[in-house]
């Protein structure tokens, strides 16, 4: 398991969120995401963003349940094949 918060001026980026397939479906992704958001709130970031592949429905569901909204998408070869990359953003209310 791995999750990373990258600092940007006035923003945080969820840079890596990796969960071994063996451990999926156990609620660990939800726990990691909760931990990440606790850090965002604790450090008082007003904004947070991430990029993901549009085909990762479970991950996108997790992000939207935590208040992230899709703001951008583009075709990409970043993951070694054609995918639609999507940017999700969260703003403190």
PDB file of N, CA and C in Angstrom:
ATOM      1  N   UNK A   1       0.847  -1.166   0.000  1.00  0.00           N
ATOM      2  CA  UNK A   1       0.000   0.000   0.000  1.00  0.00           C
ATOM      3  C   UNK A   1       0.893   1.229   0.000  1.00  0.00           C
ATOM      4  N   UNK A   2       0.421   2.228  -0.716  1.00  0.00           N
ATOM      5  CA  UNK A   2       1.201   3.448  -0.781  1.00  0.00           C
ATOM      6  C   UNK A   2       0.283   4.607  -1.136  1.00  0.00           C
ATOM      7  N   UNK A   3       0.405   5.709  -0.427  1.00  0.00           N
ATOM      8  CA  UNK A   3      -0.309   6.934  -0.753  1.00  0.00           C
ATOM      9  C   UNK A   3       0.643   8.088  -0.490  1.00  0.00           C
ATOM     10  N   UNK A   4       0.593   9.089  -1.351  1.00  0.00           N
ATOM     11  CA  UNK A   4       1.549  10.187  -1.241  1.00  0.00           C
ATOM     12  C   UNK A   4       0.849  11.525  -1.421  1.00  0.00           C
ATOM     13  N   UNK A   5       1.169  12.455  -0.536  1.00  0.00           N
ATOM     14  CA  UNK A   5       0.700  13.831  -0.635  1.00  0.00           C
ATOM     15  C   UNK A   5       1.875  14.682  -1.082  1.00  0.00           C
ATOM     16  N   UNK A   6       1.724  15.335  -2.206  1.00  0.00           N
ATOM     17  CA  UNK A   6       2.763  16.244  -2.702  1.00  0.00           C
ATOM     18  C   UNK A   6       2.306  17.678  -2.464  1.00  0.00           C
ATOM     19  N   UNK A   7       3.170  18.455  -1.822  1.00  0.00           N
ATOM     20  CA  UNK A   7       2.860  19.847  -1.518  1.00  0.00           C
ATOM     21  C   UNK A   7       3.073  20.729  -2.748  1.00  0.00           C
ATOM     22  N   UNK A   8       2.104  21.602  -2.996  1.00  0.00           N
ATOM     23  CA  UNK A   8       2.202  22.683  -3.974  1.00  0.00           C
ATOM     24  C   UNK A   8       1.784  23.956  -3.237  1.00  0.00           C
ATOM     25  N   UNK A   9       2.208  25.110  -3.683  1.00  0.00           N
ATOM     26  CA  UNK A   9       1.745  26.341  -3.033  1.00  0.00           C
ATOM     27  C   UNK A   9       0.212  26.398  -3.031  1.00  0.00           C
ATOM     28  N   UNK A  10      -0.374  26.479  -1.855  1.00  0.00           N
ATOM     29  CA  UNK A  10      -1.824  26.570  -1.673  1.00  0.00           C
ATOM     30  C   UNK A  10      -2.607  25.348  -2.161  1.00  0.00           C
ATOM     31  N   UNK A  11      -1.939  24.230  -2.331  1.00  0.00           N
ATOM     32  CA  UNK A  11      -2.634  23.040  -2.819  1.00  0.00           C
ATOM     33  C   UNK A  11      -1.861  21.778  -2.443  1.00  0.00           C
ATOM     34  N   UNK A  12      -2.611  20.699  -2.334  1.00  0.00           N
ATOM     35  CA  UNK A  12      -2.010  19.382  -2.134  1.00  0.00           C
ATOM     36  C   UNK A  12      -2.348  18.530  -3.347  1.00  0.00           C
ATOM     37  N   UNK A  13      -1.467  17.617  -3.679  1.00  0.00           N
ATOM     38  CA  UNK A  13      -1.737  16.683  -4.775  1.00  0.00           C
ATOM     39  C   UNK A  13      -1.671  15.270  -4.240  1.00  0.00           C
ATOM     40  N   UNK A  14      -2.705  14.498  -4.508  1.00  0.00           N
ATOM     41  CA  UNK A  14      -2.643  13.070  -4.229  1.00  0.00           C
ATOM     42  C   UNK A  14      -1.845  12.504  -5.395  1.00  0.00           C
ATOM     43  N   UNK A  15      -0.584  12.196  -5.134  1.00  0.00           N
ATOM     44  CA  UNK A  15       0.353  11.861  -6.209  1.00  0.00           C
ATOM     45  C   UNK A  15       0.359  10.374  -6.533  1.00  0.00           C
ATOM     46  N   UNK A  16       0.390   9.544  -5.534  1.00  0.00           N
ATOM     47  CA  UNK A  16       0.377   8.093  -5.741  1.00  0.00           C
ATOM     48  C   UNK A  16      -0.636   7.481  -4.792  1.00  0.00           C
ATOM     49  N   UNK A  17      -1.418   6.566  -5.298  1.00  0.00           N
ATOM     50  CA  UNK A  17      -2.358   5.815  -4.462  1.00  0.00           C
ATOM     51  C   UNK A  17      -2.345   4.402  -5.019  1.00  0.00           C
ATOM     52  N   UNK A  18      -1.565   3.553  -4.380  1.00  0.00           N
ATOM     53  CA  UNK A  18      -1.365   2.202  -4.892  1.00  0.00           C
ATOM     54  C   UNK A  18      -1.771   1.193  -3.821  1.00  0.00           C
ATOM     55  N   UNK A  19      -2.639   0.288  -4.205  1.00  0.00           N
ATOM     56  CA  UNK A  19      -3.087  -0.771  -3.304  1.00  0.00           C
ATOM     57  C   UNK A  19      -2.949  -2.090  -4.050  1.00  0.00           C
ATOM     58  N   UNK A  20      -2.142  -2.983  -3.521  1.00  0.00           N
ATOM     59  CA  UNK A  20      -1.940  -4.291  -4.137  1.00  0.00           C
ATOM     60  C   UNK A  20      -3.290  -4.967  -4.343  1.00  0.00           C
ATOM     61  N   UNK A  21      -3.530  -5.538  -5.528  1.00  0.00           N
ATOM     62  CA  UNK A  21      -4.815  -6.188  -5.808  1.00  0.00           C
ATOM     63  C   UNK A  21      -5.223  -7.235  -4.768  1.00  0.00           C
ATOM     64  N   UNK A  22      -4.263  -7.858  -4.125  1.00  0.00           N
ATOM     65  CA  UNK A  22      -4.549  -8.857  -3.099  1.00  0.00           C
ATOM     66  C   UNK A  22      -5.368  -8.273  -1.952  1.00  0.00           C
ATOM     67  N   UNK A  23      -5.193  -6.982  -1.691  1.00  0.00           N
ATOM     68  CA  UNK A  23      -5.822  -6.340  -0.545  1.00  0.00           C
ATOM     69  C   UNK A  23      -7.047  -5.494  -0.906  1.00  0.00           C
ATOM     70  N   UNK A  24      -7.461  -5.543  -2.156  1.00  0.00           N
ATOM     71  CA  UNK A  24      -8.632  -4.765  -2.565  1.00  0.00           C
ATOM     72  C   UNK A  24      -9.902  -5.412  -2.033  1.00  0.00           C
ATOM     73  N   UNK A  25     -10.904  -4.580  -1.777  1.00  0.00           N
ATOM     74  CA  UNK A  25     -12.183  -5.078  -1.287  1.00  0.00           C
ATOM     75  C   UNK A  25     -12.233  -5.280   0.217  1.00  0.00           C
ATOM     76  N   UNK A  26     -11.207  -4.848   0.933  1.00  0.00           N
ATOM     77  CA  UNK A  26     -11.139  -5.020   2.387  1.00  0.00           C
ATOM     78  C   UNK A  26     -11.358  -3.707   3.139  1.00  0.00           C
ATOM     79  N   UNK A  27     -11.594  -2.632   2.405  1.00  0.00           N
ATOM     80  CA  UNK A  27     -11.781  -1.331   3.037  1.00  0.00           C
ATOM     81  C   UNK A  27     -10.496  -0.565   3.269  1.00  0.00           C
ATOM     82  N   UNK A  28      -9.367  -1.115   2.817  1.00  0.00           N
ATOM     83  CA  UNK A  28      -8.091  -0.431   3.041  1.00  0.00           C
ATOM     84  C   UNK A  28      -7.964   0.842   2.209  1.00  0.00           C
ATOM     85  N   UNK A  29      -8.505   0.832   1.004  1.00  0.00           N
ATOM     86  CA  UNK A  29      -8.477   2.034   0.176  1.00  0.00           C
ATOM     87  C   UNK A  29      -9.224   3.176   0.845  1.00  0.00           C
ATOM     88  N   UNK A  30     -10.368   2.850   1.423  1.00  0.00           N
ATOM     89  CA  UNK A  30     -11.158   3.860   2.135  1.00  0.00           C
ATOM     90  C   UNK A  30     -10.365   4.401   3.326  1.00  0.00           C
ATOM     91  N   UNK A  31      -9.695   3.527   4.056  1.00  0.00           N
ATOM     92  CA  UNK A  31      -8.894   3.963   5.202  1.00  0.00           C
ATOM     93  C   UNK A  31      -7.741   4.855   4.764  1.00  0.00           C
ATOM     94  N   UNK A  32      -7.062   4.478   3.680  1.00  0.00           N
ATOM     95  CA  UNK A  32      -5.967   5.304   3.174  1.00  0.00           C
ATOM     96  C   UNK A  32      -6.470   6.669   2.729  1.00  0.00           C
ATOM     97  N   UNK A  33      -7.609   6.679   2.046  1.00  0.00           N
ATOM     98  CA  UNK A  33      -8.162   7.948   1.577  1.00  0.00           C
ATOM     99  C   UNK A  33      -8.580   8.819   2.761  1.00  0.00           C
ATOM    100  N   UNK A  34      -9.159   8.214   3.780  1.00  0.00           N
ATOM    101  CA  UNK A  34      -9.513   8.963   4.995  1.00  0.00           C
ATOM    102  C   UNK A  34      -8.264   9.562   5.635  1.00  0.00           C
ATOM    103  N   UNK A  35      -7.198   8.773   5.712  1.00  0.00           N
ATOM    104  CA  UNK A  35      -5.935   9.257   6.264  1.00  0.00           C
ATOM    105  C   UNK A  35      -5.410  10.436   5.451  1.00  0.00           C
ATOM    106  N   UNK A  36      -5.452  10.301   4.135  1.00  0.00           N
ATOM    107  CA  UNK A  36      -4.987  11.374   3.256  1.00  0.00           C
ATOM    108  C   UNK A  36      -5.778  12.655   3.503  1.00  0.00           C
ATOM    109  N   UNK A  37      -7.106  12.546   3.549  1.00  0.00           N
ATOM    110  CA  UNK A  37      -7.942  13.732   3.743  1.00  0.00           C
ATOM    111  C   UNK A  37      -7.739  14.341   5.130  1.00  0.00           C
ATOM    112  N   UNK A  38      -7.472  13.511   6.135  1.00  0.00           N
ATOM    113  CA  UNK A  38      -7.153  14.046   7.461  1.00  0.00           C
ATOM    114  C   UNK A  38      -5.911  14.925   7.388  1.00  0.00           C
ATOM    115  N   UNK A  39      -4.917  14.506   6.633  1.00  0.00           N
ATOM    116  CA  UNK A  39      -3.698  15.305   6.462  1.00  0.00           C
ATOM    117  C   UNK A  39      -4.004  16.609   5.736  1.00  0.00           C
ATOM    118  N   UNK A  40      -4.850  16.546   4.717  1.00  0.00           N
ATOM    119  CA  UNK A  40      -5.230  17.749   3.970  1.00  0.00           C
ATOM    120  C   UNK A  40      -5.886  18.753   4.912  1.00  0.00           C
ATOM    121  N   UNK A  41      -6.816  18.272   5.756  1.00  0.00           N
ATOM    122  CA  UNK A  41      -7.487  19.162   6.711  1.00  0.00           C
ATOM    123  C   UNK A  41      -6.520  19.656   7.785  1.00  0.00           C
ATOM    124  N   UNK A  42      -5.693  18.756   8.311  1.00  0.00           N
ATOM    125  CA  UNK A  42      -4.763  19.125   9.378  1.00  0.00           C
ATOM    126  C   UNK A  42      -3.766  20.185   8.909  1.00  0.00           C
ATOM    127  N   UNK A  43      -3.318  20.076   7.683  1.00  0.00           N
ATOM    128  CA  UNK A  43      -2.358  21.042   7.135  1.00  0.00           C
ATOM    129  C   UNK A  43      -3.053  22.265   6.538  1.00  0.00           C
ATOM    130  N   UNK A  44      -4.379  22.266   6.617  1.00  0.00           N
ATOM    131  CA  UNK A  44      -5.208  23.402   6.196  1.00  0.00           C
ATOM    132  C   UNK A  44      -5.041  23.762   4.723  1.00  0.00           C
ATOM    133  N   UNK A  45      -4.948  22.758   3.876  1.00  0.00           N
ATOM    134  CA  UNK A  45      -4.909  23.015   2.437  1.00  0.00           C
ATOM    135  C   UNK A  45      -6.295  23.456   1.969  1.00  0.00           C
ATOM    136  N   UNK A  46      -6.380  24.536   1.190  1.00  0.00           N
ATOM    137  CA  UNK A  46      -7.681  24.962   0.676  1.00  0.00           C
ATOM    138  C   UNK A  46      -8.110  24.210  -0.580  1.00  0.00           C
ATOM    139  N   UNK A  47      -7.169  23.481  -1.183  1.00  0.00           N
ATOM    140  CA  UNK A  47      -7.427  22.833  -2.470  1.00  0.00           C
ATOM    141  C   UNK A  47      -6.575  21.571  -2.579  1.00  0.00           C
ATOM    142  N   UNK A  48      -7.115  20.591  -3.277  1.00  0.00           N
ATOM    143  CA  UNK A  48      -6.387  19.348  -3.510  1.00  0.00           C
ATOM    144  C   UNK A  48      -6.772  18.827  -4.892  1.00  0.00           C
ATOM    145  N   UNK A  49      -5.825  18.177  -5.569  1.00  0.00           N
ATOM    146  CA  UNK A  49      -6.130  17.617  -6.882  1.00  0.00           C
ATOM    147  C   UNK A  49      -5.398  16.306  -7.094  1.00  0.00           C
ATOM    148  N   UNK A  50      -5.847  15.581  -8.111  1.00  0.00           N
ATOM    149  CA  UNK A  50      -5.210  14.323  -8.490  1.00  0.00           C
ATOM    150  C   UNK A  50      -5.526  14.047  -9.945  1.00  0.00           C
ATOM    151  N   UNK A  51      -4.694  13.211 -10.552  1.00  0.00           N
ATOM    152  CA  UNK A  51      -4.936  12.705 -11.902  1.00  0.00           C
ATOM    153  C   UNK A  51      -5.099  11.195 -11.801  1.00  0.00           C
ATOM    154  N   UNK A  52      -6.028  10.644 -12.567  1.00  0.00           N
ATOM    155  CA  UNK A  52      -6.236   9.212 -12.587  1.00  0.00           C
ATOM    156  C   UNK A  52      -6.658   8.774 -13.985  1.00  0.00           C
ATOM    157  N   UNK A  53      -6.651   7.483 -14.220  1.00  0.00           N
ATOM    158  CA  UNK A  53      -7.132   6.937 -15.489  1.00  0.00           C
ATOM    159  C   UNK A  53      -8.649   6.783 -15.408  1.00  0.00           C
ATOM    160  N   UNK A  54      -9.348   7.203 -16.439  1.00  0.00           N
ATOM    161  CA  UNK A  54     -10.797   7.198 -16.453  1.00  0.00           C
ATOM    162  C   UNK A  54     -11.433   5.832 -16.293  1.00  0.00           C
ATOM    163  N   UNK A  55     -10.665   4.783 -16.495  1.00  0.00           N
ATOM    164  CA  UNK A  55     -11.209   3.419 -16.391  1.00  0.00           C
ATOM    165  C   UNK A  55     -11.197   2.876 -14.957  1.00  0.00           C
ATOM    166  N   UNK A  56     -10.631   3.605 -14.030  1.00  0.00           N
ATOM    167  CA  UNK A  56     -10.503   3.138 -12.647  1.00  0.00           C
ATOM    168  C   UNK A  56     -11.740   3.525 -11.832  1.00  0.00           C
ATOM    169  N   UNK A  57     -12.850   2.863 -12.132  1.00  0.00           N
ATOM    170  CA  UNK A  57     -14.140   3.210 -11.544  1.00  0.00           C
ATOM    171  C   UNK A  57     -14.157   3.174 -10.018  1.00  0.00           C
ATOM    172  N   UNK A  58     -13.550   2.163  -9.417  1.00  0.00           N
ATOM    173  CA  UNK A  58     -13.561   2.064  -7.950  1.00  0.00           C
ATOM    174  C   UNK A  58     -12.813   3.242  -7.332  1.00  0.00           C
ATOM    175  N   UNK A  59     -11.669   3.593  -7.903  1.00  0.00           N
ATOM    176  CA  UNK A  59     -10.890   4.724  -7.387  1.00  0.00           C
ATOM    177  C   UNK A  59     -11.659   6.030  -7.571  1.00  0.00           C
ATOM    178  N   UNK A  60     -12.268   6.214  -8.726  1.00  0.00           N
ATOM    179  CA  UNK A  60     -13.024   7.433  -8.990  1.00  0.00           C
ATOM    180  C   UNK A  60     -14.194   7.545  -8.013  1.00  0.00           C
ATOM    181  N   UNK A  61     -14.851   6.435  -7.724  1.00  0.00           N
ATOM    182  CA  UNK A  61     -15.931   6.429  -6.737  1.00  0.00           C
ATOM    183  C   UNK A  61     -15.433   6.864  -5.375  1.00  0.00           C
ATOM    184  N   UNK A  62     -14.266   6.390  -4.994  1.00  0.00           N
ATOM    185  CA  UNK A  62     -13.665   6.773  -3.713  1.00  0.00           C
ATOM    186  C   UNK A  62     -13.380   8.272  -3.674  1.00  0.00           C
ATOM    187  N   UNK A  63     -12.824   8.787  -4.752  1.00  0.00           N
ATOM    188  CA  UNK A  63     -12.504  10.213  -4.802  1.00  0.00           C
ATOM    189  C   UNK A  63     -13.771  11.069  -4.741  1.00  0.00           C
ATOM    190  N   UNK A  64     -14.786  10.707  -5.503  1.00  0.00           N
ATOM    191  CA  UNK A  64     -16.009  11.520  -5.509  1.00  0.00           C
ATOM    192  C   UNK A  64     -16.733  11.444  -4.169  1.00  0.00           C
ATOM    193  N   UNK A  65     -16.664  10.312  -3.485  1.00  0.00           N
ATOM    194  CA  UNK A  65     -17.268  10.216  -2.150  1.00  0.00           C
ATOM    195  C   UNK A  65     -16.564  11.125  -1.146  1.00  0.00           C
ATOM    196  N   UNK A  66     -15.340  11.497  -1.444  1.00  0.00           N
ATOM    197  CA  UNK A  66     -14.590  12.409  -0.573  1.00  0.00           C
ATOM    198  C   UNK A  66     -14.651  13.850  -1.069  1.00  0.00           C
ATOM    199  N   UNK A  67     -15.550  14.139  -1.993  1.00  0.00           N
ATOM    200  CA  UNK A  67     -15.790  15.516  -2.411  1.00  0.00           C
ATOM    201  C   UNK A  67     -15.018  15.994  -3.623  1.00  0.00           C
ATOM    202  N   UNK A  68     -14.302  15.107  -4.298  1.00  0.00           N
ATOM    203  CA  UNK A  68     -13.576  15.493  -5.499  1.00  0.00           C
ATOM    204  C   UNK A  68     -14.530  15.518  -6.698  1.00  0.00           C
ATOM    205  N   UNK A  69     -14.309  16.467  -7.590  1.00  0.00           N
ATOM    206  CA  UNK A  69     -15.100  16.594  -8.811  1.00  0.00           C
ATOM    207  C   UNK A  69     -14.184  16.582 -10.022  1.00  0.00           C
ATOM    208  N   UNK A  70     -14.621  15.912 -11.083  1.00  0.00           N
ATOM    209  CA  UNK A  70     -13.831  15.868 -12.318  1.00  0.00           C
ATOM    210  C   UNK A  70     -13.854  17.248 -12.960  1.00  0.00           C
ATOM    211  N   UNK A  71     -12.668  17.763 -13.283  1.00  0.00           N
ATOM    212  CA  UNK A  71     -12.562  19.103 -13.860  1.00  0.00           C
ATOM    213  C   UNK A  71     -11.897  19.118 -15.226  1.00  0.00           C
ATOM    214  N   UNK A  72     -11.287  18.009 -15.606  1.00  0.00           N
ATOM    215  CA  UNK A  72     -10.542  17.995 -16.863  1.00  0.00           C
ATOM    216  C   UNK A  72     -10.324  16.550 -17.283  1.00  0.00           C
ATOM    217  N   UNK A  73     -10.209  16.337 -18.593  1.00  0.00           N
ATOM    218  CA  UNK A  73      -9.791  15.024 -19.081  1.00  0.00           C
ATOM    219  C   UNK A  73      -9.094  15.176 -20.417  1.00  0.00           C
ATOM    220  N   UNK A  74      -8.198  14.216 -20.686  1.00  0.00           N
ATOM    221  CA  UNK A  74      -7.441  14.254 -21.928  1.00  0.00           C
ATOM    222  C   UNK A  74      -6.938  12.857 -22.269  1.00  0.00           C
ATOM    223  N   UNK A  75      -6.760  12.603 -23.547  1.00  0.00           N
ATOM    224  CA  UNK A  75      -6.170  11.342 -23.993  1.00  0.00           C
ATOM    225  C   UNK A  75      -4.694  11.357 -23.631  1.00  0.00           C
ATOM    226  N   UNK A  76      -4.178  10.180 -23.261  1.00  0.00           N
ATOM    227  CA  UNK A  76      -2.800  10.122 -22.782  1.00  0.00           C
ATOM    228  C   UNK A  76      -2.195   8.746 -23.027  1.00  0.00           C
ATOM    229  N   UNK A  77      -0.883   8.714 -23.084  1.00  0.00           N
ATOM    230  CA  UNK A  77      -0.116   7.465 -23.132  1.00  0.00           C
ATOM    231  C   UNK A  77       0.715   7.303 -21.868  1.00  0.00           C
ATOM    232  N   UNK A  78       0.419   8.085 -20.830  1.00  0.00           N
ATOM    233  CA  UNK A  78       1.196   8.104 -19.597  1.00  0.00           C
ATOM    234  C   UNK A  78       1.307   6.733 -18.956  1.00  0.00           C
ATOM    235  N   UNK A  79       0.266   5.936 -19.035  1.00  0.00           N
ATOM    236  CA  UNK A  79       0.256   4.629 -18.381  1.00  0.00           C
ATOM    237  C   UNK A  79       0.751   3.518 -19.309  1.00  0.00           C
ATOM    238  N   UNK A  80       1.442   3.900 -20.395  1.00  0.00           N
ATOM    239  CA  UNK A  80       2.014   2.914 -21.300  1.00  0.00           C
ATOM    240  C   UNK A  80       1.042   2.415 -22.353  1.00  0.00           C
ATOM    241  N   UNK A  81      -0.159   2.966 -22.380  1.00  0.00           N
ATOM    242  CA  UNK A  81      -1.161   2.624 -23.397  1.00  0.00           C
ATOM    243  C   UNK A  81      -2.156   3.772 -23.449  1.00  0.00           C
ATOM    244  N   UNK A  82      -3.010   3.756 -24.457  1.00  0.00           N
ATOM    245  CA  UNK A  82      -3.986   4.838 -24.580  1.00  0.00           C
ATOM    246  C   UNK A  82      -5.016   4.761 -23.455  1.00  0.00           C
ATOM    247  N   UNK A  83      -5.143   5.860 -22.739  1.00  0.00           N
ATOM    248  CA  UNK A  83      -6.160   5.987 -21.693  1.00  0.00           C
ATOM    249  C   UNK A  83      -6.679   7.428 -21.705  1.00  0.00           C
ATOM    250  N   UNK A  84      -7.786   7.619 -21.036  1.00  0.00           N
ATOM    251  CA  UNK A  84      -8.286   8.964 -20.799  1.00  0.00           C
ATOM    252  C   UNK A  84      -7.889   9.323 -19.373  1.00  0.00           C
ATOM    253  N   UNK A  85      -6.993  10.296 -19.249  1.00  0.00           N
ATOM    254  CA  UNK A  85      -6.613  10.778 -17.925  1.00  0.00           C
ATOM    255  C   UNK A  85      -7.648  11.794 -17.467  1.00  0.00           C
ATOM    256  N   UNK A  86      -7.994  11.730 -16.191  1.00  0.00           N
ATOM    257  CA  UNK A  86      -8.967  12.650 -15.640  1.00  0.00           C
ATOM    258  C   UNK A  86      -8.379  13.350 -14.425  1.00  0.00           C
ATOM    259  N   UNK A  87      -8.627  14.652 -14.358  1.00  0.00           N
ATOM    260  CA  UNK A  87      -8.206  15.435 -13.203  1.00  0.00           C
ATOM    261  C   UNK A  87      -9.416  15.627 -12.305  1.00  0.00           C
ATOM    262  N   UNK A  88      -9.226  15.374 -11.021  1.00  0.00           N
ATOM    263  CA  UNK A  88     -10.256  15.590 -10.008  1.00  0.00           C
ATOM    264  C   UNK A  88      -9.730  16.612  -9.017  1.00  0.00           C
ATOM    265  N   UNK A  89     -10.627  17.509  -8.582  1.00  0.00           N
ATOM    266  CA  UNK A  89     -10.240  18.556  -7.655  1.00  0.00           C
ATOM    267  C   UNK A  89     -11.212  18.625  -6.487  1.00  0.00           C
ATOM    268  N   UNK A  90     -10.666  18.994  -5.338  1.00  0.00           N
ATOM    269  CA  UNK A  90     -11.427  19.190  -4.109  1.00  0.00           C
ATOM    270  C   UNK A  90     -11.095  20.590  -3.603  1.00  0.00           C
ATOM    271  N   UNK A  91     -12.125  21.309  -3.163  1.00  0.00           N
ATOM    272  CA  UNK A  91     -11.921  22.640  -2.601  1.00  0.00           C
ATOM    273  C   UNK A  91     -12.575  22.679  -1.225  1.00  0.00           C
ATOM    274  N   UNK A  92     -11.838  23.189  -0.267  1.00  0.00           N
ATOM    275  CA  UNK A  92     -12.340  23.301   1.091  1.00  0.00           C
ATOM    276  C   UNK A  92     -13.554  24.235   1.113  1.00  0.00           C
ATOM    277  N   UNK A  93     -14.593  23.807   1.815  1.00  0.00           N
ATOM    278  CA  UNK A  93     -15.792  24.644   1.896  1.00  0.00           C
ATOM    279  C   UNK A  93     -15.933  25.255   3.270  1.00  0.00           C
TER     280      UNK A  93
END
